[in-house]
Amino acid sequence: MALITGASSGIGAAVATRFAAEGGWQLLLNGRDQERLGRIADRCGATALPCDLADPAGCGQLVDSAFDVAGGVDVLIAGAGIGWAGPFTAMPPAAIDEVLAVDLAAVMHLTRRVLPHIVRRDRGHLLFVGSIAGAVGVREEAVYSAAKAAVAAFAESLRYELAGSRVRVSVVVPGAVNTPFFTRRGAPYQRSRPRPIAPARVADAVWDAVAHERSEVFVPGWLQFPARFKGLAPALFRRLATRFA
């Protein structure tokens, strides 16, 4: 059984479609837009579990509902995410709280609820959808970048805790993806490169990470090079990033 958050649109909806196409999965889909989530769930033969993950109580409600429906969770795919674009000094405090709640705190709260069940069974998979913004930092996306960087560190720490078990932890790290994310964050994607990729490509990477137990997957794959370069030569990377944006 797979629980997929953020499944009412974008990457989450594409992941649901990808897993449904594989067959053999009982899918539980979460999202905030109840009508749209219901349509995707019907299309995928899945169960819709709408709730708002910005509220910690919503995370508990979602996991309780998942356990009521399926008796447990084998795979958690945390794909829900929101952004905010603009200078940090202009970011409203409420927007800071909401981005951190959805992109970071919800991942932790859901994992805290699901993981004990997975550990007892000594099998399962946690997959978090990160972002290249968390790997290198992005100008005017400071809080989003920080949240995604924290998700990557959270995943790495969990891998150490779960070493020796059959529980796997993965992070899929996409670049710009052609979804409603940019419209909802309040600023369209305006960079000439890299061009946004289709959400189906990210869904394929998610499937590959779960099926082949990969700990980290960049989408597209070349994005791993700027991330590695930043780690090897951070001062030079910053100079280049500042110059070329």
Foldseek 3Di string as FASTA:
>chain_A
DEEFEPCLWFLRVLLLVVVLVVDPDAYEYEDAPVVSQVVSCVVSVYHYDYDDQLDLVRLVVSQVVVCVVPVAHQEYELDDAAFAFDAPVPDDPVNLSSRLRRLAVSLVSNCVSHVVVCVVVLHHEYEYEAELCLLQNDPRGHSNNVSRVVVLVVQVVVCVVQPPTNYAYAYEYEYAAPICRQVRNPHHDDDPPDDHHYSNQSSVVVVCCVVVVDRYHYVVRVSVVLSVVCVVPVVVSVVVVVVVD
